[in-house]
Amino acid sequence: MLSIRPSDPCVAGALPYVVVAIEHWADVTKFDQIETGPPSQEHELVCGHTDEAAFVLSARKLVARQYLSEGYITAADIDRHGILRSVVDPYHASSAYFIAFDDQLGQVVATIRQIQFDIASGAKSFPMMSYLDLWPSSRDHLEQSSPESWVELSGLAKEHWVATEIVNRLYREMWARSFARGHEYWLIAADSRLARRLKGIFLDSMVIAGPPIDYLGSPTVPLFMRVVSGLDAICDRYFITRSPMARERCRETAKFFLSGINPRYFSDEQIEKFSAMDIDFAIDIRDGSLPSIDLTEPRR
């Protein structure tokens, strides 16, 4: 089943488009009318979490094609089904997949996943903890919580014509699921380009956890973020910046990620900040639609 929130479809210009340059907040986000389909096509992409085998297989094939084209893997790393061999990707069985699906093309055009805790592997459930060098302070910080409450974001891939704003929608879907499932930390082993983009979105809430190392053929940076604190740095920037344009970008980015999130997940102080930024918490789900998560589900 593909679980979606169609009340907020991925249409051109509907979501913030985040660029890589982060020297100034004014350069981080912009809101343009950006085409989200192949050239000469204008239509919606359906985004959400899926456990449907056909969708998951399509997502895994997209990852294999993308990784091969980027030079992260070789053709020998792909099996006869067009997916990464289990020796290359041993994390499939413990992953939750998120996709953008193009109904007109009938295919998955963007994907990312959350690698979840595996009791047999412990902290080694996560590639970042297994293969990257973390600073002792970062490792100590993470180990103050249980790895059962961690997920690692992994396997980001998209067709070249899919706008970055669609990827932002997938991040939001993962963020919503993490609240509902009680996840405390996101772990991310990102290449240097993605690391800059994530820092551009979440600012100081996204913490660099160690030095970059060569992993899968590119410089890879370990990062982590406490789920509930993901917007704190954006809110802080809103209140200290003097630029009306920068303040509006902060507000729109926070509003985008908060759409459909139950306020009970946040502290009173956070709620006060969001309210001061003129952000409401209306659960925006159409009657008869299937939400991506059960927002009334108690935290575990």
Protein backbone atom coordinates (compact mmCIF):
# COMPACT_ATOMS: atom_id res chain seq x y z
CA MET A 1 0.00 0.00 0.00
CA LEU A 2 1.17 3.51 -0.78
CA SER A 3 0.20 5.76 2.12
CA ILE A 4 -0.10 9.40 1.13
CA ARG A 5 -1.47 12.74 2.19
CA PRO A 6 -3.05 13.94 -1.08
CA SER A 7 -4.28 17.14 0.55
CA ASP A 8 -0.79 18.50 -0.03
CA PRO A 9 0.26 17.15 -3.43
CA CYS A 10 3.61 17.77 -5.02
CA VAL A 11 2.74 20.36 -7.63
CA ALA A 12 4.93 22.96 -9.24
CA GLY A 13 5.64 25.83 -6.88
CA ALA A 14 3.84 24.28 -3.92
CA LEU A 15 6.90 23.44 -1.82
CA PRO A 16 10.06 25.32 -0.90
CA TYR A 17 12.99 24.77 -3.23
CA VAL A 18 16.24 24.56 -1.28
CA VAL A 19 19.57 25.29 -2.94
CA VAL A 20 23.05 24.22 -1.92
CA ALA A 21 24.71 27.58 -1.19
CA ILE A 22 24.41 28.33 2.53
CA GLU A 23 26.71 31.28 3.09
CA HIS A 24 23.68 33.52 3.66
CA TRP A 25 20.18 32.52 4.68
CA ALA A 26 18.80 34.58 1.81
CA ASP A 27 20.54 32.11 -0.53
CA VAL A 28 19.17 29.00 1.15
CA THR A 29 15.51 28.93 0.20
CA LYS A 30 13.53 30.34 -2.67
CA PHE A 31 10.04 29.79 -3.98
CA ASP A 32 9.79 29.48 -7.72
CA GLN A 33 7.43 27.90 -10.20
CA ILE A 34 9.56 24.86 -10.96
CA GLU A 35 8.33 22.11 -13.23
CA THR A 36 8.10 18.79 -11.38
CA GLY A 37 7.69 16.44 -14.32
CA PRO A 38 9.54 15.58 -17.51
CA PRO A 39 9.87 18.42 -20.05
CA SER A 40 6.51 19.68 -21.39
CA GLN A 41 4.54 17.85 -18.69
CA GLU A 42 2.74 19.39 -15.72
CA HIS A 43 1.17 16.98 -13.25
CA GLU A 44 1.23 15.87 -9.65
CA LEU A 45 3.61 13.39 -8.07
CA VAL A 46 2.21 11.30 -5.23
CA CYS A 47 4.59 11.20 -2.26
CA GLY A 48 4.50 8.99 0.82
CA HIS A 49 5.61 5.89 2.71
CA THR A 50 5.04 2.52 1.08
CA ASP A 51 5.36 -1.15 2.00
CA GLU A 52 3.97 -2.31 -1.37
CA ALA A 53 6.47 -4.79 -2.83
CA ALA A 54 6.19 -3.47 -6.40
CA PHE A 55 6.82 0.12 -5.31
CA VAL A 56 9.75 -0.91 -3.10
CA LEU A 57 11.29 -2.90 -5.95
CA SER A 58 10.92 0.08 -8.29
CA ALA A 59 12.57 2.32 -5.68
CA ARG A 60 15.48 -0.09 -5.27
CA LYS A 61 15.99 -0.23 -9.04
CA LEU A 62 16.07 3.58 -9.17
CA VAL A 63 18.73 3.63 -6.44
CA ALA A 64 20.84 1.09 -8.32
CA ARG A 65 20.64 3.06 -11.58
CA GLN A 66 21.43 6.35 -9.85
CA TYR A 67 24.34 4.96 -7.85
CA LEU A 68 25.78 3.33 -10.96
CA SER A 69 25.53 6.57 -12.97
CA GLU A 70 27.20 8.50 -10.13
CA GLY A 71 30.03 5.99 -9.94
CA TYR A 72 29.26 4.90 -6.37
CA ILE A 73 28.99 1.26 -7.48
CA THR A 74 29.91 -0.90 -10.47
CA ALA A 75 27.68 -3.04 -12.68
CA ALA A 76 28.90 -6.10 -10.75
CA ASP A 77 27.17 -4.73 -7.63
CA ILE A 78 23.73 -5.03 -9.30
CA ASP A 79 21.92 -8.36 -9.53
CA ARG A 80 19.80 -9.75 -12.37
CA HIS A 81 16.70 -8.02 -10.97
CA GLY A 82 18.34 -4.60 -11.31
CA ILE A 83 18.81 -3.97 -7.57
CA LEU A 84 21.87 -3.80 -5.35
CA ARG A 85 23.18 -7.17 -4.26
CA SER A 86 22.59 -8.00 -0.61
CA VAL A 87 26.32 -7.96 0.10
CA VAL A 88 26.37 -4.32 -1.06
CA ASP A 89 23.09 -3.36 0.62
CA PRO A 90 22.38 -5.59 3.63
CA TYR A 91 19.89 -3.10 5.10
CA HIS A 92 16.87 -3.61 2.84
CA ALA A 93 14.92 -5.85 5.22
CA SER A 94 15.10 -3.32 8.07
CA SER A 95 14.19 -0.29 5.95
CA ALA A 96 11.03 1.77 5.51
CA TYR A 97 10.72 3.22 2.01
CA PHE A 98 9.38 6.60 0.91
CA ILE A 99 8.67 7.36 -2.73
CA ALA A 100 7.44 9.93 -5.20
CA PHE A 101 5.27 8.15 -7.76
CA ASP A 102 4.43 9.53 -11.19
CA ASP A 103 0.96 8.24 -12.04
CA GLN A 104 1.21 9.24 -15.70
CA LEU A 105 4.51 7.47 -16.22
CA GLY A 106 3.54 4.63 -13.86
CA GLN A 107 6.89 4.62 -12.10
CA VAL A 108 8.74 5.67 -8.96
CA VAL A 109 10.73 8.82 -9.79
CA ALA A 110 12.27 9.63 -6.38
CA THR A 111 12.95 7.65 -3.24
CA ILE A 112 14.63 7.63 0.15
CA ARG A 113 14.41 5.24 3.10
CA GLN A 114 14.77 5.02 6.86
CA ILE A 115 17.04 2.20 8.05
CA GLN A 116 15.61 1.02 11.35
CA PHE A 117 17.12 -0.68 14.39
CA ASP A 118 17.75 -4.40 14.14
CA ILE A 119 18.00 -6.12 17.51
CA ALA A 120 20.57 -8.64 16.28
CA SER A 121 22.91 -5.88 15.07
CA GLY A 122 22.48 -3.26 17.80
CA ALA A 123 24.19 0.05 16.99
CA LYS A 124 25.72 -1.66 13.95
CA SER A 125 22.24 -1.61 12.43
CA PHE A 126 23.27 1.73 10.92
CA PRO A 127 25.92 2.21 8.21
CA MET A 128 27.03 5.50 9.75
CA MET A 129 27.92 3.80 13.02
CA SER A 130 29.66 0.94 11.22
CA TYR A 131 31.73 2.61 8.52
CA LEU A 132 32.28 6.28 9.39
CA ASP A 133 34.57 7.81 11.99
CA LEU A 134 32.60 9.84 14.52
CA TRP A 135 34.16 12.31 16.89
CA PRO A 136 34.08 10.92 20.46
CA SER A 137 31.83 13.79 21.57
CA SER A 138 29.29 12.92 18.86
CA ARG A 139 29.32 9.24 19.70
CA ASP A 140 28.95 10.01 23.42
CA HIS A 141 26.02 12.32 22.65
CA LEU A 142 24.18 9.70 20.61
CA GLU A 143 24.88 6.91 23.09
CA GLN A 144 23.00 8.82 25.78
CA SER A 145 19.88 7.55 23.99
CA SER A 146 18.91 4.05 22.88
CA PRO A 147 19.75 3.03 19.30
CA GLU A 148 16.25 1.59 19.15
CA SER A 149 15.07 5.19 18.79
CA TRP A 150 17.41 5.98 15.88
CA VAL A 151 16.83 5.74 12.14
CA GLU A 152 19.35 6.39 9.40
CA LEU A 153 18.26 8.18 6.24
CA SER A 154 19.66 6.34 3.24
CA GLY A 155 19.21 5.54 -0.43
CA LEU A 156 18.26 8.97 -1.78
CA ALA A 157 17.75 8.86 -5.55
CA LYS A 158 15.64 10.70 -8.10
CA GLU A 159 15.20 11.06 -11.82
CA HIS A 160 17.18 14.03 -13.12
CA TRP A 161 14.06 16.07 -13.96
CA VAL A 162 12.47 15.74 -10.49
CA ALA A 163 12.72 19.05 -8.64
CA THR A 164 14.50 19.31 -5.31
CA GLU A 165 11.24 20.41 -3.73
CA ILE A 166 9.93 16.86 -4.22
CA VAL A 167 12.83 15.54 -2.14
CA ASN A 168 11.87 18.09 0.53
CA ARG A 169 8.39 16.54 0.57
CA LEU A 170 9.93 13.10 1.19
CA TYR A 171 11.95 14.53 4.09
CA ARG A 172 8.73 15.90 5.55
CA GLU A 173 6.99 12.55 5.20
CA MET A 174 9.90 10.89 7.02
CA TRP A 175 9.82 13.56 9.72
CA ALA A 176 6.11 12.98 10.29
CA ARG A 177 6.61 9.22 10.52
CA SER A 178 9.49 9.68 12.94
CA PHE A 179 7.25 11.65 15.31
CA ALA A 180 4.55 9.00 15.18
CA ARG A 181 7.04 6.17 15.74
CA GLY A 182 8.90 7.89 18.56
CA HIS A 183 12.23 8.23 16.76
CA GLU A 184 14.65 10.43 18.68
CA TYR A 185 17.53 10.84 16.22
CA TRP A 186 18.12 10.88 12.50
CA LEU A 187 21.52 9.60 11.39
CA ILE A 188 22.74 10.52 7.92
CA ALA A 189 25.86 9.53 6.01
CA ALA A 190 25.72 12.12 3.23
CA ASP A 191 28.00 13.03 0.38
CA SER A 192 29.36 16.54 0.67
CA ARG A 193 26.70 18.04 -1.63
CA LEU A 194 23.79 16.57 0.33
CA ALA A 195 25.45 17.47 3.64
CA ARG A 196 25.59 21.13 2.58
CA ARG A 197 21.94 21.03 1.49
CA LEU A 198 20.76 19.49 4.76
CA LYS A 199 22.71 22.08 6.73
CA GLY A 200 21.07 24.66 4.51
CA ILE A 201 17.60 23.43 5.46
CA PHE A 202 18.00 22.64 9.15
CA LEU A 203 20.94 24.96 10.01
CA ASP A 204 22.54 24.19 13.39
CA SER A 205 19.89 21.59 14.23
CA MET A 206 21.72 19.30 11.79
CA VAL A 207 25.01 18.42 13.53
CA ILE A 208 28.19 17.32 11.74
CA ALA A 209 29.32 14.26 13.72
CA GLY A 210 32.78 13.61 12.31
CA PRO A 211 35.29 14.30 9.55
CA PRO A 212 34.48 13.45 5.92
CA ILE A 213 35.85 10.13 4.71
CA ASP A 214 35.81 8.38 1.35
CA TYR A 215 32.81 6.05 1.32
CA LEU A 216 31.18 4.58 -1.79
CA GLY A 217 33.59 6.56 -3.91
CA SER A 218 32.86 10.06 -2.65
CA PRO A 219 33.63 12.25 0.40
CA THR A 220 30.95 11.35 2.95
CA VAL A 221 30.00 13.40 6.01
CA PRO A 222 28.32 11.88 9.11
CA LEU A 223 25.48 13.98 10.51
CA PHE A 224 22.75 13.60 13.10
CA MET A 225 19.66 15.55 14.13
CA ARG A 226 17.35 15.24 17.11
CA VAL A 227 13.93 14.84 15.50
CA VAL A 228 11.95 17.11 17.81
CA SER A 229 14.59 19.87 17.54
CA GLY A 230 14.70 19.90 13.75
CA LEU A 231 13.18 23.37 13.41
CA ASP A 232 14.75 25.04 16.44
CA ALA A 233 17.59 26.67 14.51
CA ILE A 234 15.21 27.94 11.83
CA CYS A 235 13.01 29.52 14.51
CA ASP A 236 16.01 31.07 16.22
CA ARG A 237 17.14 32.55 12.91
CA TYR A 238 13.64 33.98 12.39
CA PHE A 239 13.80 35.93 15.64
CA ILE A 240 17.34 37.27 15.30
CA THR A 241 17.40 38.26 11.63
CA ARG A 242 16.43 41.80 10.64
CA SER A 243 15.66 41.05 7.01
CA PRO A 244 11.90 40.77 6.35
CA MET A 245 12.62 38.53 3.36
CA ALA A 246 14.83 36.20 5.40
CA ARG A 247 12.21 36.09 8.18
CA GLU A 248 9.55 35.10 5.67
CA ARG A 249 11.75 32.34 4.29
CA CYS A 250 12.28 31.00 7.81
CA ARG A 251 8.55 31.10 8.47
CA GLU A 252 7.63 29.39 5.19
CA THR A 253 10.22 26.64 5.69
CA ALA A 254 9.03 25.94 9.24
CA LYS A 255 5.39 26.06 8.12
CA PHE A 256 6.13 23.58 5.33
CA PHE A 257 7.70 21.00 7.63
CA LEU A 258 5.04 21.44 10.32
CA SER A 259 2.13 20.86 7.95
CA GLY A 260 0.03 18.03 9.36
CA ILE A 261 2.18 17.47 12.47
CA ASN A 262 0.34 17.12 15.77
CA PRO A 263 1.43 19.88 18.20
CA ARG A 264 1.58 17.44 21.12
CA TYR A 265 5.03 16.37 19.95
CA PHE A 266 6.50 19.78 20.82
CA SER A 267 7.31 21.59 24.07
CA ASP A 268 5.34 24.61 25.24
CA GLU A 269 8.35 26.80 24.41
CA GLN A 270 8.44 25.50 20.85
CA ILE A 271 4.70 26.01 20.45
CA GLU A 272 5.05 29.60 21.60
CA LYS A 273 7.78 30.20 19.02
CA PHE A 274 5.70 28.69 16.22
CA SER A 275 2.70 30.78 17.26
CA ALA A 276 4.84 33.92 17.31
CA MET A 277 5.83 33.05 13.73
CA ASP A 278 2.11 32.90 12.79
CA ILE A 279 2.13 29.14 12.15
CA ASP A 280 -1.06 27.15 12.78
CA PHE A 281 -1.31 23.44 13.52
CA ALA A 282 -4.41 22.51 11.58
CA ILE A 283 -4.22 18.85 10.55
CA ASP A 284 -4.59 19.23 6.80
CA ILE A 285 -6.01 15.90 5.62
CA ARG A 286 -8.92 15.69 3.21
CA ASP A 287 -11.97 13.64 4.10
CA GLY A 288 -11.67 10.16 2.66
CA SER A 289 -7.95 10.36 2.05
CA LEU A 290 -5.39 7.98 3.46
CA PRO A 291 -2.81 9.76 5.64
CA SER A 292 0.81 8.67 5.53
CA ILE A 293 0.77 8.02 9.28
CA ASP A 294 -1.70 7.84 12.11
CA LEU A 295 -1.10 11.15 13.85
CA THR A 296 -3.16 9.97 16.85
CA GLU A 297 -0.89 6.96 17.37
CA PRO A 298 0.73 7.05 20.83
CA ARG A 299 4.48 7.38 20.91
CA ARG A 300 6.41 4.18 21.57
